[in-house]
Amino acid sequence: MRVRRALKSFAVIGAAMAALFGASQPAHAAAGWGMSWGASQTESTIQWTSGYSAYVDGYIKAVSGYREVCFQGNNGDYWTGEWCYGAYAGQTTSWSDANLRIAVPGGVQRVYAYMYADGGWVHEVFCTRSGCTRVY
């Protein structure tokens, strides 16, 4: 009897913890961004997991000069490391290995992405599980 009651208590606690820490969020929500500067461009897709991570894949194509895209994840006061990929004129650089991870309840909530061209940052977007918003 005690064992059955204890197991039932653990099941209730487990369900409450899952709801509290984001199990109700879509398991594999997706969003993506696209930015361009002249004929150069970058595009990416973000796959959020039901855990702490967001996986980012994409490419950057430089038609002239050097172009770079950098991105990082955020959850309140917590940030992931920054991932950056670049390409010189006539090159395309692709990636599929970027794992943004924040081991706090809710995991990665936002991904910020920046495009660099002609000596400065020219575009910024941020993405959530619901989609992306252009900042500039």
Protein backbone atom coordinates (compact mmCIF):
# COMPACT_ATOMS: atom_id res chain seq x y z
CA MET A 1 0.00 0.00 0.00
CA ARG A 2 2.77 2.46 0.91
CA VAL A 3 4.71 1.62 -2.24
CA ARG A 4 1.64 2.18 -4.43
CA ARG A 5 0.93 5.51 -2.72
CA ALA A 6 4.58 6.57 -3.10
CA LEU A 7 4.58 5.67 -6.82
CA LYS A 8 1.37 7.60 -7.35
CA SER A 9 2.91 10.63 -5.58
CA PHE A 10 6.00 10.44 -7.79
CA ALA A 11 3.82 10.28 -10.90
CA VAL A 12 1.87 13.40 -9.82
CA ILE A 13 5.09 15.27 -8.97
CA GLY A 14 6.65 14.21 -12.28
CA ALA A 15 3.67 15.47 -14.27
CA ALA A 16 3.70 18.77 -12.40
CA MET A 17 7.45 19.21 -13.02
CA ALA A 18 7.02 18.46 -16.73
CA ALA A 19 4.30 21.08 -17.04
CA LEU A 20 6.28 23.60 -15.02
CA PHE A 21 9.50 23.17 -16.99
CA GLY A 22 8.19 23.38 -20.50
CA ALA A 23 7.01 19.93 -21.56
CA SER A 24 3.87 21.67 -22.82
CA GLN A 25 5.94 23.57 -25.40
CA PRO A 26 6.13 22.17 -28.92
CA ALA A 27 8.75 19.43 -29.01
CA HIS A 28 10.32 20.59 -32.26
CA ALA A 29 9.22 24.13 -33.01
CA ALA A 30 11.00 25.71 -35.96
CA ALA A 31 11.79 29.26 -37.04
CA GLY A 32 14.21 30.79 -39.48
CA TRP A 33 15.78 33.99 -40.68
CA GLY A 34 17.02 35.43 -43.92
CA MET A 35 19.16 38.56 -44.28
CA SER A 36 20.91 40.13 -47.24
CA TRP A 37 23.37 42.92 -47.94
CA GLY A 38 23.64 43.74 -51.62
CA ALA A 39 23.69 40.36 -53.37
CA SER A 40 25.22 38.59 -50.32
CA GLN A 41 22.83 36.64 -48.15
CA THR A 42 22.42 34.35 -45.16
CA GLU A 43 19.57 32.03 -44.24
CA SER A 44 19.09 29.74 -41.30
CA THR A 45 16.63 27.39 -39.63
CA ILE A 46 16.31 26.93 -35.88
CA GLN A 47 14.90 23.74 -34.37
CA TRP A 48 13.92 24.03 -30.71
CA THR A 49 13.83 20.81 -28.71
CA SER A 50 11.55 20.04 -25.80
CA GLY A 51 14.68 20.26 -23.62
CA TYR A 52 17.24 23.02 -23.18
CA SER A 53 18.60 23.33 -26.75
CA ALA A 54 18.05 25.03 -30.06
CA TYR A 55 19.89 23.68 -33.10
CA VAL A 56 20.83 26.10 -35.86
CA ASP A 57 21.78 25.28 -39.44
CA GLY A 58 22.17 27.49 -42.47
CA TYR A 59 24.56 29.22 -44.83
CA ILE A 60 26.15 32.56 -45.62
CA LYS A 61 27.02 33.51 -49.21
CA ALA A 62 29.33 36.43 -49.98
CA VAL A 63 29.19 37.98 -53.43
CA SER A 64 31.65 40.75 -52.59
CA GLY A 65 33.87 41.50 -49.60
CA TYR A 66 33.77 39.53 -46.37
CA ARG A 67 30.40 38.63 -44.82
CA GLU A 68 29.77 37.06 -41.46
CA VAL A 69 26.77 35.89 -39.44
CA CYS A 70 26.86 35.40 -35.67
CA PHE A 71 24.15 34.11 -33.35
CA GLN A 72 23.61 33.15 -29.74
CA GLY A 73 20.82 31.94 -27.50
CA ASN A 74 19.22 33.66 -24.54
CA ASN A 75 16.95 32.95 -21.58
CA GLY A 76 16.66 35.97 -19.24
CA ASP A 77 20.11 36.58 -17.72
CA TYR A 78 21.57 33.44 -19.30
CA TRP A 79 23.37 33.40 -22.67
CA THR A 80 24.97 30.71 -24.79
CA GLY A 81 28.34 31.17 -26.40
CA GLU A 82 28.39 33.00 -29.71
CA TRP A 83 28.68 31.04 -32.96
CA CYS A 84 30.04 32.85 -36.04
CA TYR A 85 30.48 31.78 -39.66
CA GLY A 86 31.98 33.84 -42.48
CA ALA A 87 32.59 33.80 -46.21
CA TYR A 88 34.77 35.79 -48.60
CA ALA A 89 33.70 37.04 -52.04
CA GLY A 90 32.58 34.15 -54.22
CA GLN A 91 32.30 31.70 -51.29
CA THR A 92 29.41 30.06 -49.48
CA THR A 93 29.86 28.66 -45.98
CA SER A 94 27.28 26.21 -44.60
CA TRP A 95 26.86 24.87 -41.07
CA SER A 96 24.71 22.31 -39.32
CA ASP A 97 26.58 21.86 -36.06
CA ALA A 98 25.47 24.79 -33.91
CA ASN A 99 23.88 23.57 -30.66
CA LEU A 100 22.76 26.45 -28.46
CA ARG A 101 22.09 25.13 -24.95
CA ILE A 102 21.06 26.78 -21.68
CA ALA A 103 20.49 24.32 -18.82
CA VAL A 104 17.83 26.30 -16.93
CA PRO A 105 14.04 25.83 -16.96
CA GLY A 106 12.75 26.68 -20.43
CA GLY A 107 16.16 26.30 -22.06
CA VAL A 108 16.90 28.62 -25.00
CA GLN A 109 14.00 31.06 -25.38
CA ARG A 110 15.44 33.45 -27.99
CA VAL A 111 18.10 33.28 -30.65
CA TYR A 112 19.72 36.57 -31.73
CA ALA A 113 21.43 36.71 -35.14
CA TYR A 114 23.61 39.47 -36.62
CA MET A 115 24.99 39.97 -40.13
CA TYR A 116 28.35 41.69 -40.59
CA ALA A 117 29.35 43.40 -43.85
CA ASP A 118 31.54 46.30 -44.96
CA GLY A 119 33.10 46.84 -41.54
CA GLY A 120 30.01 46.74 -39.34
CA TRP A 121 26.85 44.98 -38.24
CA VAL A 122 24.18 45.63 -40.87
CA HIS A 123 21.24 43.48 -39.74
CA GLU A 124 19.87 41.93 -36.56
CA VAL A 125 16.97 39.53 -35.98
CA PHE A 126 15.74 37.64 -32.97
CA CYS A 127 13.75 34.44 -33.09
CA THR A 128 11.48 32.61 -30.68
CA ARG A 129 9.53 29.38 -31.04
CA SER A 130 6.80 31.51 -32.69
CA GLY A 131 8.95 33.07 -35.43
CA CYS A 132 11.52 35.77 -36.12
CA THR A 133 11.46 39.55 -35.85
CA ARG A 134 13.82 41.91 -37.67
CA VAL A 135 15.44 44.50 -35.36
CA TYR A 136 17.36 46.42 -38.08
